[in-house]
Amino acid sequence: MGSEKGKGRIVLNSKKMLSGIYGITAQEYSLGRTNREVVGLMLAAGIRIIQYREKDLSMRERYRECLALAPMVHAAGGLFIVDDHPDLALAVEADGVHIGQEDLPLPVVRRLMGPHMIIGVSTHSPEQALEAVAGGADYIGVGPIYPTSTKKDVVPAVGLSYLDWVVSHVDLPFVAIGGIKEHNLAEVAAHGARCAALVTEIVGAPDIGAKVARLRTILDHHRPNDEGKIN
């Protein structure tokens, strides 16, 4: 996955260290499969960072699911991230939490989580990215790159121009997200994204293993190498 463990903290220590496909749960779009089934298929396909995001379930239901999913992800050598809720992340011994612009402020989340857990922050503008960097985020989400209907309260698409800005100005790991599909992943990768989150494209695929294999091939072929050149 490209993380380092030091003094108890999992450190994403440079932009290139968050790479590959970033998996996110979305049971509503999973073709009747459970999150446990889908996460198992994502792990088998080689995805090594999983975010649990189920906004419509009760906290008790989310807790039960995360108790089952976190050990699965850890057994595969992956990172398990909980969306929105630091308390849930702590309760299930997740590796970290991912927060949005309407969630608790980053400094508050860091106080709750302590110094040893990963905190990711969704950003939609240069100002938000700089604030996340200054606040000590471990990585940022960049998007939505394209229009998306996966999230009900999604902000308007920011386009590739914001991705270009992050690549040029932010020395922090990031994941591109929002409306990314197999047909446009090459474009996102060519603009500098080493890591991309695809939600319905993966969980809604009849054959998740085959879908992830194609996505990884596209990403590996089109993203810049360490010298900034397209592979």
Foldseek 3Di string as FASTA:
>chain_A
DQWDADPQATANDWQLRAFAEAEEADCVQQVNDDPVVLLLLVLVLPDAHYEYDDVPDDPVVSLVVLLVVQVVSVVSVHFYEYEQDLVSCVVNVGQYYEYEPPGPDLLVSCVSNDDRHAYEYEDEAPVVLVVCVVSPHQEYEYFPQQADPSDPPDDHTNHLVRVLVCQVPPTHHYEYEHPDALVCLLVNQLSAGRYYYDYSNQSNDPNNSVSSVSSRVSNQQRHADPVRHGD
